[in-house]
Amino acid sequence: PYYTERIHDYDSNVNDITTWQASNYVPVNLVSDSLITVGKYKDRILGIGVTSIEKFSNAGNSFGSVLISDKAALLNIGCSSETIIQTNDYLFFVGPSTLNPGIWMMTSNGVKKISTSEIDGNLSGSGVFSNSIWSLYYAGYTYLLLFASSGVIFLYCAELDSWNQQTFTTPILGASS
């Protein structure tokens, strides 16, 4: 288990999730940005900040944090909210609003922006997705679903690298036709 503060990632004692020592932390500080959240991708723990993603691996330390920062794997892209979607093969997140707002995807090959300009417009406008992002694994495919307040659902297939969209209208309950 991990607990995040502004610039530290705390972890419990090895094989004991009930004990937390003051020395059991690793600083998330390769880049001087604020830590937004902690994520997991494959066998790595991620310190996701405003402008960077710092990757950590298990060093097997018996004292202090078991994690060690992988300086060579630092990514110069951050996250604008705590909303991240983790699947077996992908990690999706909303990229920073100051640099290049959009939906980003982490794969074994790195990080890439996957959103279109229309989706980016929903991120910066009144149709912000915020907590309306879901993932679905169906028939061997990983899907990301984005629900805009305008009634539009954007559906991304990671394996096919393609977007679809559907507009829904909600009928008024009790209305007759």
C-alpha atoms as a PDB file:
ATOM      1  CA  PRO A   1       0.000   0.000   0.000  1.00  0.00           C
ATOM      2  CA  TYR A   2       1.054   3.529  -0.727  1.00  0.00           C
ATOM      3  CA  TYR A   3       0.044   6.917   0.610  1.00  0.00           C
ATOM      4  CA  THR A   4       0.855  10.129  -1.205  1.00  0.00           C
ATOM      5  CA  GLU A   5       1.768  13.523   0.165  1.00  0.00           C
ATOM      6  CA  ARG A   6       2.756  16.570  -1.832  1.00  0.00           C
ATOM      7  CA  ILE A   7       6.290  15.331  -2.603  1.00  0.00           C
ATOM      8  CA  HIS A   8       6.590  11.950  -0.864  1.00  0.00           C
ATOM      9  CA  ASP A   9       5.299   8.455  -1.490  1.00  0.00           C
ATOM     10  CA  TYR A  10       4.940   6.569   1.788  1.00  0.00           C
ATOM     11  CA  ASP A  11       4.757   2.789   1.926  1.00  0.00           C
ATOM     12  CA  SER A  12       4.046   0.283   4.673  1.00  0.00           C
ATOM     13  CA  ASN A  13       6.542  -2.152   6.140  1.00  0.00           C
ATOM     14  CA  VAL A  14       7.506  -5.121   3.963  1.00  0.00           C
ATOM     15  CA  ASN A  15       4.826  -7.854   4.243  1.00  0.00           C
ATOM     16  CA  ASP A  16       2.922  -5.834   6.867  1.00  0.00           C
ATOM     17  CA  ILE A  17       0.305  -3.382   5.665  1.00  0.00           C
ATOM     18  CA  THR A  18      -0.607  -2.367   9.223  1.00  0.00           C
ATOM     19  CA  THR A  19       2.781  -0.841  10.137  1.00  0.00           C
ATOM     20  CA  TRP A  20       3.998   2.472   8.769  1.00  0.00           C
ATOM     21  CA  GLN A  21       7.406   3.804   9.779  1.00  0.00           C
ATOM     22  CA  ALA A  22       8.448   7.452   9.426  1.00  0.00           C
ATOM     23  CA  SER A  23      11.442   6.340   7.324  1.00  0.00           C
ATOM     24  CA  ASN A  24       9.317   4.320   4.867  1.00  0.00           C
ATOM     25  CA  TYR A  25       9.031   6.892   2.145  1.00  0.00           C
ATOM     26  CA  VAL A  26      10.681   7.771  -1.099  1.00  0.00           C
ATOM     27  CA  PRO A  27      10.786  11.374  -2.334  1.00  0.00           C
ATOM     28  CA  VAL A  28       9.174  12.047  -5.672  1.00  0.00           C
ATOM     29  CA  ASN A  29      11.503  14.848  -6.662  1.00  0.00           C
ATOM     30  CA  LEU A  30      13.324  14.326  -9.955  1.00  0.00           C
ATOM     31  CA  VAL A  31      11.258  17.284 -11.212  1.00  0.00           C
ATOM     32  CA  SER A  32      10.165  20.108  -8.925  1.00  0.00           C
ATOM     33  CA  ASP A  33       6.440  19.805  -9.514  1.00  0.00           C
ATOM     34  CA  SER A  34       3.606  18.886  -7.152  1.00  0.00           C
ATOM     35  CA  LEU A  35       2.641  15.246  -6.844  1.00  0.00           C
ATOM     36  CA  ILE A  36      -0.966  14.713  -7.994  1.00  0.00           C
ATOM     37  CA  THR A  37      -1.441  10.964  -7.452  1.00  0.00           C
ATOM     38  CA  VAL A  38       0.236   7.578  -7.340  1.00  0.00           C
ATOM     39  CA  GLY A  39      -0.490   4.954  -9.964  1.00  0.00           C
ATOM     40  CA  LYS A  40       0.662   1.497 -10.961  1.00  0.00           C
ATOM     41  CA  TYR A  41       1.694   0.369 -14.405  1.00  0.00           C
ATOM     42  CA  LYS A  42       2.850  -3.224 -14.916  1.00  0.00           C
ATOM     43  CA  ASP A  43       5.514  -3.799 -12.227  1.00  0.00           C
ATOM     44  CA  ARG A  44       6.184  -0.086 -11.613  1.00  0.00           C
ATOM     45  CA  ILE A  45       4.786   2.400  -9.123  1.00  0.00           C
ATOM     46  CA  LEU A  46       4.284   5.849 -10.667  1.00  0.00           C
ATOM     47  CA  GLY A  47       4.590   9.208  -8.959  1.00  0.00           C
ATOM     48  CA  ILE A  48       2.378  11.327 -11.215  1.00  0.00           C
ATOM     49  CA  GLY A  49       2.945  15.052 -10.905  1.00  0.00           C
ATOM     50  CA  VAL A  50       1.728  18.177 -12.657  1.00  0.00           C
ATOM     51  CA  THR A  51       4.518  18.083 -15.264  1.00  0.00           C
ATOM     52  CA  SER A  52       6.188  14.683 -14.852  1.00  0.00           C
ATOM     53  CA  ILE A  53       5.754  10.973 -14.229  1.00  0.00           C
ATOM     54  CA  GLU A  54       8.470   9.393 -12.121  1.00  0.00           C
ATOM     55  CA  LYS A  55       8.731   5.605 -12.223  1.00  0.00           C
ATOM     56  CA  PHE A  56       9.768   3.485  -9.252  1.00  0.00           C
ATOM     57  CA  SER A  57      10.742  -0.168  -9.020  1.00  0.00           C
ATOM     58  CA  ASN A  58      11.047  -2.563  -6.113  1.00  0.00           C
ATOM     59  CA  ALA A  59      14.646  -2.466  -4.874  1.00  0.00           C
ATOM     60  CA  GLY A  60      13.958  -4.995  -2.111  1.00  0.00           C
ATOM     61  CA  ASN A  61      15.337  -2.747   0.620  1.00  0.00           C
ATOM     62  CA  SER A  62      14.775  -4.138   4.112  1.00  0.00           C
ATOM     63  CA  PHE A  63      14.890  -0.680   5.729  1.00  0.00           C
ATOM     64  CA  GLY A  64      13.121   2.463   4.596  1.00  0.00           C
ATOM     65  CA  SER A  65      11.210   2.382   1.347  1.00  0.00           C
ATOM     66  CA  VAL A  66      11.400  -0.707  -0.839  1.00  0.00           C
ATOM     67  CA  LEU A  67      11.106   1.592  -3.856  1.00  0.00           C
ATOM     68  CA  ILE A  68      13.884   3.185  -5.889  1.00  0.00           C
ATOM     69  CA  SER A  69      13.446   5.879  -8.540  1.00  0.00           C
ATOM     70  CA  ASP A  70      14.337   4.965 -12.123  1.00  0.00           C
ATOM     71  CA  LYS A  71      15.841   8.260 -13.313  1.00  0.00           C
ATOM     72  CA  ALA A  72      16.230   7.002 -16.899  1.00  0.00           C
ATOM     73  CA  ALA A  73      12.478   6.316 -17.136  1.00  0.00           C
ATOM     74  CA  LEU A  74      11.337   9.846 -16.172  1.00  0.00           C
ATOM     75  CA  LEU A  75       8.529  11.121 -18.422  1.00  0.00           C
ATOM     76  CA  ASN A  76       8.094  14.854 -19.050  1.00  0.00           C
ATOM     77  CA  ILE A  77       4.313  14.789 -19.107  1.00  0.00           C
ATOM     78  CA  GLY A  78       2.050  15.214 -16.122  1.00  0.00           C
ATOM     79  CA  CYS A  79      -1.529  14.853 -15.036  1.00  0.00           C
ATOM     80  CA  SER A  80      -4.117  17.522 -14.323  1.00  0.00           C
ATOM     81  CA  SER A  81      -6.321  15.509 -11.962  1.00  0.00           C
ATOM     82  CA  GLU A  82      -6.307  12.412  -9.804  1.00  0.00           C
ATOM     83  CA  THR A  83      -8.464  10.652 -12.389  1.00  0.00           C
ATOM     84  CA  ILE A  84      -6.360   7.890 -13.894  1.00  0.00           C
ATOM     85  CA  ILE A  85      -7.586   4.659 -15.443  1.00  0.00           C
ATOM     86  CA  GLN A  86      -5.389   1.609 -15.030  1.00  0.00           C
ATOM     87  CA  THR A  87      -5.859  -1.557 -17.059  1.00  0.00           C
ATOM     88  CA  ASN A  88      -3.582  -4.565 -17.577  1.00  0.00           C
ATOM     89  CA  ASP A  89      -1.762  -3.085 -20.556  1.00  0.00           C
ATOM     90  CA  TYR A  90      -2.546   0.639 -20.451  1.00  0.00           C
ATOM     91  CA  LEU A  91      -2.758   3.627 -18.166  1.00  0.00           C
ATOM     92  CA  PHE A  92      -4.999   6.512 -19.263  1.00  0.00           C
ATOM     93  CA  PHE A  93      -4.946  10.002 -17.749  1.00  0.00           C
ATOM     94  CA  VAL A  94      -5.978  13.590 -18.403  1.00  0.00           C
ATOM     95  CA  GLY A  95      -2.863  15.512 -19.399  1.00  0.00           C
ATOM     96  CA  PRO A  96      -1.841  18.860 -18.058  1.00  0.00           C
ATOM     97  CA  SER A  97      -4.115  21.771 -18.819  1.00  0.00           C
ATOM     98  CA  THR A  98      -1.226  24.214 -19.169  1.00  0.00           C
ATOM     99  CA  LEU A  99       0.902  22.449 -21.785  1.00  0.00           C
ATOM    100  CA  ASN A 100      -1.138  20.180 -24.006  1.00  0.00           C
ATOM    101  CA  PRO A 101      -4.526  19.267 -22.522  1.00  0.00           C
ATOM    102  CA  GLY A 102      -5.872  15.948 -23.625  1.00  0.00           C
ATOM    103  CA  ILE A 103      -6.267  12.273 -22.911  1.00  0.00           C
ATOM    104  CA  TRP A 104      -2.961  10.433 -22.739  1.00  0.00           C
ATOM    105  CA  MET A 105      -2.174   6.729 -22.787  1.00  0.00           C
ATOM    106  CA  MET A 106       0.843   4.949 -21.348  1.00  0.00           C
ATOM    107  CA  THR A 107       1.931   1.726 -23.022  1.00  0.00           C
ATOM    108  CA  SER A 108       5.078  -0.391 -22.887  1.00  0.00           C
ATOM    109  CA  ASN A 109       6.429   1.884 -25.653  1.00  0.00           C
ATOM    110  CA  GLY A 110       5.945   5.141 -23.734  1.00  0.00           C
ATOM    111  CA  VAL A 111       3.247   7.803 -23.511  1.00  0.00           C
ATOM    112  CA  LYS A 112       1.215   9.292 -26.330  1.00  0.00           C
ATOM    113  CA  LYS A 113      -1.657  11.723 -26.661  1.00  0.00           C
ATOM    114  CA  ILE A 114      -4.738   9.938 -27.978  1.00  0.00           C
ATOM    115  CA  SER A 115      -7.479  12.580 -27.791  1.00  0.00           C
ATOM    116  CA  THR A 116      -8.778  14.554 -30.747  1.00  0.00           C
ATOM    117  CA  SER A 117      -9.286  18.323 -30.855  1.00  0.00           C
ATOM    118  CA  GLU A 118     -13.021  17.799 -30.215  1.00  0.00           C
ATOM    119  CA  ILE A 119     -12.283  15.823 -27.054  1.00  0.00           C
ATOM    120  CA  ASP A 120      -9.693  18.393 -25.987  1.00  0.00           C
ATOM    121  CA  GLY A 121     -12.395  21.061 -26.354  1.00  0.00           C
ATOM    122  CA  ASN A 122     -14.603  19.137 -23.931  1.00  0.00           C
ATOM    123  CA  LEU A 123     -11.733  19.025 -21.462  1.00  0.00           C
ATOM    124  CA  SER A 124     -11.214  22.772 -21.455  1.00  0.00           C
ATOM    125  CA  GLY A 125     -14.836  23.834 -21.877  1.00  0.00           C
ATOM    126  CA  SER A 126     -17.971  23.344 -19.844  1.00  0.00           C
ATOM    127  CA  GLY A 127     -18.260  19.677 -20.832  1.00  0.00           C
ATOM    128  CA  VAL A 128     -15.372  18.555 -18.643  1.00  0.00           C
ATOM    129  CA  PHE A 129     -15.222  14.793 -18.255  1.00  0.00           C
ATOM    130  CA  SER A 130     -13.727  14.784 -14.696  1.00  0.00           C
ATOM    131  CA  ASN A 131     -15.154  11.678 -13.012  1.00  0.00           C
ATOM    132  CA  SER A 132     -16.933  10.429 -16.120  1.00  0.00           C
ATOM    133  CA  ILE A 133     -14.091   8.324 -17.489  1.00  0.00           C
ATOM    134  CA  TRP A 134     -14.414   4.553 -17.509  1.00  0.00           C
ATOM    135  CA  SER A 135     -12.631   1.573 -18.996  1.00  0.00           C
ATOM    136  CA  LEU A 136     -14.048  -1.648 -20.363  1.00  0.00           C
ATOM    137  CA  TYR A 137     -12.394  -4.840 -21.555  1.00  0.00           C
ATOM    138  CA  TYR A 138     -14.567  -6.737 -24.025  1.00  0.00           C
ATOM    139  CA  ALA A 139     -13.834  -9.478 -26.578  1.00  0.00           C
ATOM    140  CA  GLY A 140     -10.072  -8.978 -26.296  1.00  0.00           C
ATOM    141  CA  TYR A 141     -10.175  -5.185 -26.663  1.00  0.00           C
ATOM    142  CA  THR A 142      -9.572  -2.407 -24.138  1.00  0.00           C
ATOM    143  CA  TYR A 143     -11.973   0.532 -24.391  1.00  0.00           C
ATOM    144  CA  LEU A 144     -11.896   3.935 -22.770  1.00  0.00           C
ATOM    145  CA  LEU A 145     -15.284   5.646 -22.391  1.00  0.00           C
ATOM    146  CA  LEU A 146     -15.548   9.404 -21.887  1.00  0.00           C
ATOM    147  CA  PHE A 147     -18.929  10.823 -20.939  1.00  0.00           C
ATOM    148  CA  ALA A 148     -19.309  14.513 -21.807  1.00  0.00           C
ATOM    149  CA  SER A 149     -21.983  16.610 -20.106  1.00  0.00           C
ATOM    150  CA  SER A 150     -23.392  17.367 -23.574  1.00  0.00           C
ATOM    151  CA  GLY A 151     -24.672  13.775 -23.863  1.00  0.00           C
ATOM    152  CA  VAL A 152     -21.848  12.646 -26.139  1.00  0.00           C
ATOM    153  CA  ILE A 153     -19.985   9.456 -25.324  1.00  0.00           C
ATOM    154  CA  PHE A 154     -16.510   9.088 -26.819  1.00  0.00           C
ATOM    155  CA  LEU A 155     -15.255   5.516 -27.112  1.00  0.00           C
ATOM    156  CA  TYR A 156     -11.579   4.754 -27.723  1.00  0.00           C
ATOM    157  CA  CYS A 157     -10.244   1.295 -28.609  1.00  0.00           C
ATOM    158  CA  ALA A 158      -6.611   1.055 -27.497  1.00  0.00           C
ATOM    159  CA  GLU A 159      -5.698  -1.935 -29.656  1.00  0.00           C
ATOM    160  CA  LEU A 160      -7.144  -0.356 -32.807  1.00  0.00           C
ATOM    161  CA  ASP A 161      -6.084   3.203 -31.889  1.00  0.00           C
ATOM    162  CA  SER A 162      -9.464   4.536 -32.980  1.00  0.00           C
ATOM    163  CA  TRP A 163     -12.252   6.751 -31.620  1.00  0.00           C
ATOM    164  CA  ASN A 164     -16.009   6.510 -32.068  1.00  0.00           C
ATOM    165  CA  GLN A 165     -18.708   8.711 -30.625  1.00  0.00           C
ATOM    166  CA  GLN A 166     -22.396   8.444 -29.898  1.00  0.00           C
ATOM    167  CA  THR A 167     -24.881  11.088 -28.809  1.00  0.00           C
ATOM    168  CA  PHE A 168     -27.602  10.084 -26.387  1.00  0.00           C
ATOM    169  CA  THR A 169     -30.686  11.912 -25.297  1.00  0.00           C
ATOM    170  CA  THR A 170     -32.433  11.005 -22.094  1.00  0.00           C
ATOM    171  CA  PRO A 171     -36.232  10.760 -22.353  1.00  0.00           C
ATOM    172  CA  ILE A 172     -38.253  12.622 -19.761  1.00  0.00           C
ATOM    173  CA  LEU A 173     -39.703  10.155 -17.298  1.00  0.00           C
ATOM    174  CA  GLY A 174     -43.466   9.866 -17.476  1.00  0.00           C
ATOM    175  CA  ALA A 175     -43.706  11.572 -20.874  1.00  0.00           C
ATOM    176  CA  SER A 176     -46.087   9.991 -23.368  1.00  0.00           C
ATOM    177  CA  SER A 177     -45.724  10.004 -27.113  1.00  0.00           C
END
